[in-house]
Structure formats: structure tokens, C-alpha cells
Amino acid sequence: MVELATKADLLATEQKLQTELRTTEQRLQTAIETLKETVTLRLTVRLGAMLVIAIGALATILKLV
């Protein structure tokens, strides 16, 4: 037997899908923001480490000269 969807069924399904889409979008935005913060922190730490090494190397070279 063939079942037909009514307009009410379609509207309910559309609303459910829109709600799920909004929820998923919010989760993705949160995840992206967290990843951006993590990457920013990692890059800051790496840059700081490179600066410390560069200053140490410069100080060593100046002592040798």
C-alpha cells in the first residue's frame, strides 16, 4: 500500500531538519573556534621558543667575537 505525505508531515519534517541543521552549525562553529584558539596558542609558543633560541645563539656568537 502506498503512503502519501501530507503538507503537515512535510512541514514537521522541514522544521525538524532546520533545527538539526542549526544545532549542527552551532557545534561546528564551537569546534572551529576551539581549534583556532589551540592553533593560535601553539604558534605563539613556537614563536616564543624560536625567539629564545635566536637570542641565545646571538648571545653566544657575541661572546665568541
PDB file of N, CA and C in Angstrom:
ATOM      1  N   MET A   1       0.839  -1.176   0.000  1.00  0.00           N
ATOM      2  CA  MET A   1       0.000   0.000   0.000  1.00  0.00           C
ATOM      3  C   MET A   1       0.890   1.249   0.000  1.00  0.00           C
ATOM      4  N   VAL A   2       0.520   2.230  -0.751  1.00  0.00           N
ATOM      5  CA  VAL A   2       1.291   3.449  -0.896  1.00  0.00           C
ATOM      6  C   VAL A   2       0.855   4.454   0.166  1.00  0.00           C
ATOM      7  N   GLU A   3       1.846   5.038   0.860  1.00  0.00           N
ATOM      8  CA  GLU A   3       1.536   6.071   1.849  1.00  0.00           C
ATOM      9  C   GLU A   3       1.942   7.417   1.277  1.00  0.00           C
ATOM     10  N   LEU A   4       1.096   8.397   1.461  1.00  0.00           N
ATOM     11  CA  LEU A   4       1.372   9.737   0.970  1.00  0.00           C
ATOM     12  C   LEU A   4       1.663  10.658   2.145  1.00  0.00           C
ATOM     13  N   ALA A   5       2.582  11.598   1.918  1.00  0.00           N
ATOM     14  CA  ALA A   5       2.904  12.580   2.947  1.00  0.00           C
ATOM     15  C   ALA A   5       1.980  13.782   2.798  1.00  0.00           C
ATOM     16  N   THR A   6       1.492  14.235   3.914  1.00  0.00           N
ATOM     17  CA  THR A   6       0.638  15.411   3.882  1.00  0.00           C
ATOM     18  C   THR A   6       1.503  16.662   4.037  1.00  0.00           C
ATOM     19  N   LYS A   7       0.887  17.814   3.812  1.00  0.00           N
ATOM     20  CA  LYS A   7       1.625  19.070   3.990  1.00  0.00           C
ATOM     21  C   LYS A   7       2.104  19.203   5.423  1.00  0.00           C
ATOM     22  N   ALA A   8       1.296  18.775   6.360  1.00  0.00           N
ATOM     23  CA  ALA A   8       1.676  18.848   7.774  1.00  0.00           C
ATOM     24  C   ALA A   8       2.899  17.974   8.040  1.00  0.00           C
ATOM     25  N   ASP A   9       2.924  16.787   7.433  1.00  0.00           N
ATOM     26  CA  ASP A   9       4.084  15.904   7.585  1.00  0.00           C
ATOM     27  C   ASP A   9       5.340  16.564   7.031  1.00  0.00           C
ATOM     28  N   LEU A  10       5.201  17.153   5.864  1.00  0.00           N
ATOM     29  CA  LEU A  10       6.349  17.802   5.231  1.00  0.00           C
ATOM     30  C   LEU A  10       6.837  18.999   6.041  1.00  0.00           C
ATOM     31  N   LEU A  11       5.905  19.796   6.572  1.00  0.00           N
ATOM     32  CA  LEU A  11       6.284  20.940   7.394  1.00  0.00           C
ATOM     33  C   LEU A  11       6.985  20.499   8.677  1.00  0.00           C
ATOM     34  N   ALA A  12       6.476  19.447   9.298  1.00  0.00           N
ATOM     35  CA  ALA A  12       7.092  18.931  10.522  1.00  0.00           C
ATOM     36  C   ALA A  12       8.506  18.425  10.233  1.00  0.00           C
ATOM     37  N   THR A  13       8.660  17.731   9.133  1.00  0.00           N
ATOM     38  CA  THR A  13       9.973  17.224   8.751  1.00  0.00           C
ATOM     39  C   THR A  13      10.931  18.370   8.444  1.00  0.00           C
ATOM     40  N   GLU A  14      10.435  19.385   7.759  1.00  0.00           N
ATOM     41  CA  GLU A  14      11.262  20.548   7.433  1.00  0.00           C
ATOM     42  C   GLU A  14      11.724  21.253   8.709  1.00  0.00           C
ATOM     43  N   GLN A  15      10.820  21.439   9.651  1.00  0.00           N
ATOM     44  CA  GLN A  15      11.178  22.101  10.905  1.00  0.00           C
ATOM     45  C   GLN A  15      12.203  21.279  11.684  1.00  0.00           C
ATOM     46  N   LYS A  16      12.024  19.984  11.701  1.00  0.00           N
ATOM     47  CA  LYS A  16      12.970  19.102  12.393  1.00  0.00           C
ATOM     48  C   LYS A  16      14.354  19.194  11.752  1.00  0.00           C
ATOM     49  N   LEU A  17      14.404  19.171  10.442  1.00  0.00           N
ATOM     50  CA  LEU A  17      15.670  19.262   9.733  1.00  0.00           C
ATOM     51  C   LEU A  17      16.351  20.621   9.957  1.00  0.00           C
ATOM     52  N   GLN A  18      15.553  21.687   9.971  1.00  0.00           N
ATOM     53  CA  GLN A  18      16.118  23.012  10.210  1.00  0.00           C
ATOM     54  C   GLN A  18      16.702  23.107  11.616  1.00  0.00           C
ATOM     55  N   THR A  19      16.008  22.532  12.583  1.00  0.00           N
ATOM     56  CA  THR A  19      16.501  22.528  13.961  1.00  0.00           C
ATOM     57  C   THR A  19      17.808  21.742  14.060  1.00  0.00           C
ATOM     58  N   GLU A  20      17.849  20.581  13.443  1.00  0.00           N
ATOM     59  CA  GLU A  20      19.063  19.765  13.458  1.00  0.00           C
ATOM     60  C   GLU A  20      20.210  20.482  12.753  1.00  0.00           C
ATOM     61  N   LEU A  21      19.901  21.167  11.668  1.00  0.00           N
ATOM     62  CA  LEU A  21      20.922  21.911  10.931  1.00  0.00           C
ATOM     63  C   LEU A  21      21.499  23.038  11.784  1.00  0.00           C
ATOM     64  N   ARG A  22      20.637  23.776  12.484  1.00  0.00           N
ATOM     65  CA  ARG A  22      21.105  24.854  13.362  1.00  0.00           C
ATOM     66  C   ARG A  22      21.993  24.308  14.482  1.00  0.00           C
ATOM     67  N   THR A  23      21.576  23.200  15.064  1.00  0.00           N
ATOM     68  CA  THR A  23      22.346  22.581  16.140  1.00  0.00           C
ATOM     69  C   THR A  23      23.720  22.142  15.633  1.00  0.00           C
ATOM     70  N   THR A  24      23.734  21.517  14.487  1.00  0.00           N
ATOM     71  CA  THR A  24      24.995  21.064  13.903  1.00  0.00           C
ATOM     72  C   THR A  24      25.898  22.246  13.558  1.00  0.00           C
ATOM     73  N   GLU A  25      25.309  23.308  13.027  1.00  0.00           N
ATOM     74  CA  GLU A  25      26.078  24.503  12.684  1.00  0.00           C
ATOM     75  C   GLU A  25      26.699  25.123  13.929  1.00  0.00           C
ATOM     76  N   GLN A  26      25.947  25.177  15.010  1.00  0.00           N
ATOM     77  CA  GLN A  26      26.477  25.732  16.258  1.00  0.00           C
ATOM     78  C   GLN A  26      27.621  24.879  16.795  1.00  0.00           C
ATOM     79  N   ARG A  27      27.465  23.555  16.724  1.00  0.00           N
ATOM     80  CA  ARG A  27      28.538  22.669  17.190  1.00  0.00           C
ATOM     81  C   ARG A  27      29.794  22.853  16.342  1.00  0.00           C
ATOM     82  N   LEU A  28      29.617  22.982  15.043  1.00  0.00           N
ATOM     83  CA  LEU A  28      30.770  23.175  14.167  1.00  0.00           C
ATOM     84  C   LEU A  28      31.464  24.507  14.443  1.00  0.00           C
ATOM     85  N   GLN A  29      30.683  25.556  14.648  1.00  0.00           N
ATOM     86  CA  GLN A  29      31.271  26.857  14.951  1.00  0.00           C
ATOM     87  C   GLN A  29      32.055  26.808  16.256  1.00  0.00           C
ATOM     88  N   THR A  30      31.529  26.116  17.253  1.00  0.00           N
ATOM     89  CA  THR A  30      32.228  25.966  18.527  1.00  0.00           C
ATOM     90  C   THR A  30      33.528  25.190  18.337  1.00  0.00           C
ATOM     91  N   ALA A  31      33.462  24.107  17.573  1.00  0.00           N
ATOM     92  CA  ALA A  31      34.652  23.291  17.332  1.00  0.00           C
ATOM     93  C   ALA A  31      35.711  24.087  16.568  1.00  0.00           C
ATOM     94  N   ILE A  32      35.295  24.852  15.580  1.00  0.00           N
ATOM     95  CA  ILE A  32      36.236  25.657  14.795  1.00  0.00           C
ATOM     96  C   ILE A  32      36.886  26.714  15.677  1.00  0.00           C
ATOM     97  N   GLU A  33      36.103  27.352  16.524  1.00  0.00           N
ATOM     98  CA  GLU A  33      36.644  28.381  17.424  1.00  0.00           C
ATOM     99  C   GLU A  33      37.657  27.774  18.388  1.00  0.00           C
ATOM    100  N   THR A  34      37.357  26.591  18.898  1.00  0.00           N
ATOM    101  CA  THR A  34      38.285  25.903  19.801  1.00  0.00           C
ATOM    102  C   THR A  34      39.582  25.560  19.073  1.00  0.00           C
ATOM    103  N   LEU A  35      39.462  25.072  17.851  1.00  0.00           N
ATOM    104  CA  LEU A  35      40.651  24.735  17.068  1.00  0.00           C
ATOM    105  C   LEU A  35      41.489  25.975  16.765  1.00  0.00           C
ATOM    106  N   LYS A  36      40.824  27.093  16.447  1.00  0.00           N
ATOM    107  CA  LYS A  36      41.553  28.337  16.184  1.00  0.00           C
ATOM    108  C   LYS A  36      42.335  28.768  17.411  1.00  0.00           C
ATOM    109  N   GLU A  37      41.726  28.691  18.577  1.00  0.00           N
ATOM    110  CA  GLU A  37      42.407  29.078  19.807  1.00  0.00           C
ATOM    111  C   GLU A  37      43.593  28.170  20.082  1.00  0.00           C
ATOM    112  N   THR A  38      43.422  26.866  19.849  1.00  0.00           N
ATOM    113  CA  THR A  38      44.503  25.903  20.066  1.00  0.00           C
ATOM    114  C   THR A  38      45.673  26.183  19.126  1.00  0.00           C
ATOM    115  N   VAL A  39      45.376  26.405  17.867  1.00  0.00           N
ATOM    116  CA  VAL A  39      46.435  26.671  16.887  1.00  0.00           C
ATOM    117  C   VAL A  39      47.146  27.985  17.216  1.00  0.00           C
ATOM    118  N   THR A  40      46.387  28.988  17.613  1.00  0.00           N
ATOM    119  CA  THR A  40      46.981  30.273  17.980  1.00  0.00           C
ATOM    120  C   THR A  40      47.940  30.102  19.143  1.00  0.00           C
ATOM    121  N   LEU A  41      47.534  29.356  20.150  1.00  0.00           N
ATOM    122  CA  LEU A  41      48.394  29.120  21.310  1.00  0.00           C
ATOM    123  C   LEU A  41      49.660  28.368  20.913  1.00  0.00           C
ATOM    124  N   ARG A  42      49.512  27.340  20.100  1.00  0.00           N
ATOM    125  CA  ARG A  42      50.676  26.558  19.672  1.00  0.00           C
ATOM    126  C   ARG A  42      51.659  27.423  18.885  1.00  0.00           C
ATOM    127  N   LEU A  43      51.134  28.250  17.975  1.00  0.00           N
ATOM    128  CA  LEU A  43      52.016  29.102  17.184  1.00  0.00           C
ATOM    129  C   LEU A  43      52.717  30.143  18.055  1.00  0.00           C
ATOM    130  N   THR A  44      52.012  30.658  19.047  1.00  0.00           N
ATOM    131  CA  THR A  44      52.615  31.632  19.952  1.00  0.00           C
ATOM    132  C   THR A  44      53.756  30.992  20.737  1.00  0.00           C
ATOM    133  N   VAL A  45      53.531  29.790  21.229  1.00  0.00           N
ATOM    134  CA  VAL A  45      54.574  29.085  21.989  1.00  0.00           C
ATOM    135  C   VAL A  45      55.765  28.786  21.088  1.00  0.00           C
ATOM    136  N   ARG A  46      55.527  28.344  19.872  1.00  0.00           N
ATOM    137  CA  ARG A  46      56.630  28.052  18.950  1.00  0.00           C
ATOM    138  C   ARG A  46      57.425  29.306  18.615  1.00  0.00           C
ATOM    139  N   LEU A  47      56.728  30.405  18.355  1.00  0.00           N
ATOM    140  CA  LEU A  47      57.415  31.655  18.049  1.00  0.00           C
ATOM    141  C   LEU A  47      58.258  32.094  19.235  1.00  0.00           C
ATOM    142  N   GLY A  48      57.716  31.983  20.436  1.00  0.00           N
ATOM    143  CA  GLY A  48      58.463  32.333  21.639  1.00  0.00           C
ATOM    144  C   GLY A  48      59.708  31.474  21.784  1.00  0.00           C
ATOM    145  N   ALA A  49      59.586  30.189  21.542  1.00  0.00           N
ATOM    146  CA  ALA A  49      60.737  29.282  21.635  1.00  0.00           C
ATOM    147  C   ALA A  49      61.801  29.649  20.604  1.00  0.00           C
ATOM    148  N   MET A  50      61.359  29.972  19.394  1.00  0.00           N
ATOM    149  CA  MET A  50      62.327  30.360  18.361  1.00  0.00           C
ATOM    150  C   MET A  50      63.043  31.649  18.740  1.00  0.00           C
ATOM    151  N   LEU A  51      62.332  32.591  19.340  1.00  0.00           N
ATOM    152  CA  LEU A  51      62.957  33.842  19.767  1.00  0.00           C
ATOM    153  C   LEU A  51      63.987  33.588  20.869  1.00  0.00           C
ATOM    154  N   VAL A  52      63.660  32.735  21.814  1.00  0.00           N
ATOM    155  CA  VAL A  52      64.601  32.404  22.892  1.00  0.00           C
ATOM    156  C   VAL A  52      65.851  31.772  22.316  1.00  0.00           C
ATOM    157  N   ILE A  53      65.701  30.854  21.402  1.00  0.00           N
ATOM    158  CA  ILE A  53      66.853  30.191  20.779  1.00  0.00           C
ATOM    159  C   ILE A  53      67.678  31.199  19.984  1.00  0.00           C
ATOM    160  N   ALA A  54      67.013  32.071  19.248  1.00  0.00           N
ATOM    161  CA  ALA A  54      67.729  33.074  18.455  1.00  0.00           C
ATOM    162  C   ALA A  54      68.506  34.028  19.350  1.00  0.00           C
ATOM    163  N   ILE A  55      67.904  34.470  20.435  1.00  0.00           N
ATOM    164  CA  ILE A  55      68.607  35.377  21.350  1.00  0.00           C
ATOM    165  C   ILE A  55      69.778  34.652  22.011  1.00  0.00           C
ATOM    166  N   GLY A  56      69.587  33.404  22.384  1.00  0.00           N
ATOM    167  CA  GLY A  56      70.679  32.614  22.965  1.00  0.00           C
ATOM    168  C   GLY A  56      71.817  32.428  21.977  1.00  0.00           C
ATOM    169  N   ALA A  57      71.488  32.139  20.723  1.00  0.00           N
ATOM    170  CA  ALA A  57      72.525  31.968  19.703  1.00  0.00           C
ATOM    171  C   ALA A  57      73.260  33.284  19.467  1.00  0.00           C
ATOM    172  N   LEU A  58      72.537  34.377  19.441  1.00  0.00           N
ATOM    173  CA  LEU A  58      73.156  35.686  19.249  1.00  0.00           C
ATOM    174  C   LEU A  58      74.083  36.016  20.412  1.00  0.00           C
ATOM    175  N   ALA A  59      73.643  35.737  21.627  1.00  0.00           N
ATOM    176  CA  ALA A  59      74.485  35.993  22.800  1.00  0.00           C
ATOM    177  C   ALA A  59      75.755  35.150  22.756  1.00  0.00           C
ATOM    178  N   THR A  60      75.642  33.908  22.337  1.00  0.00           N
ATOM    179  CA  THR A  60      76.806  33.029  22.228  1.00  0.00           C
ATOM    180  C   THR A  60      77.779  33.544  21.172  1.00  0.00           C
ATOM    181  N   ILE A  61      77.238  33.958  20.038  1.00  0.00           N
ATOM    182  CA  ILE A  61      78.096  34.476  18.962  1.00  0.00           C
ATOM    183  C   ILE A  61      78.807  35.744  19.412  1.00  0.00           C
ATOM    184  N   LEU A  62      78.105  36.616  20.123  1.00  0.00           N
ATOM    185  CA  LEU A  62      78.717  37.855  20.597  1.00  0.00           C
ATOM    186  C   LEU A  62      79.810  37.584  21.627  1.00  0.00           C
ATOM    187  N   LYS A  63      79.676  36.542  22.433  1.00  0.00           N
ATOM    188  CA  LYS A  63      80.718  36.185  23.402  1.00  0.00           C
ATOM    189  C   LYS A  63      81.961  35.661  22.695  1.00  0.00           C
ATOM    190  N   LEU A  64      81.759  34.990  21.576  1.00  0.00           N
ATOM    191  CA  LEU A  64      82.889  34.421  20.831  1.00  0.00           C
ATOM    192  C   LEU A  64      83.682  35.487  20.092  1.00  0.00           C
ATOM    193  N   VAL A  65      83.030  36.549  19.762  1.00  0.00           N
ATOM    194  CA  VAL A  65      83.679  37.578  18.952  1.00  0.00           C
ATOM    195  C   VAL A  65      84.471  38.524  19.771  1.00  0.00           C
TER     196      VAL A  65
END
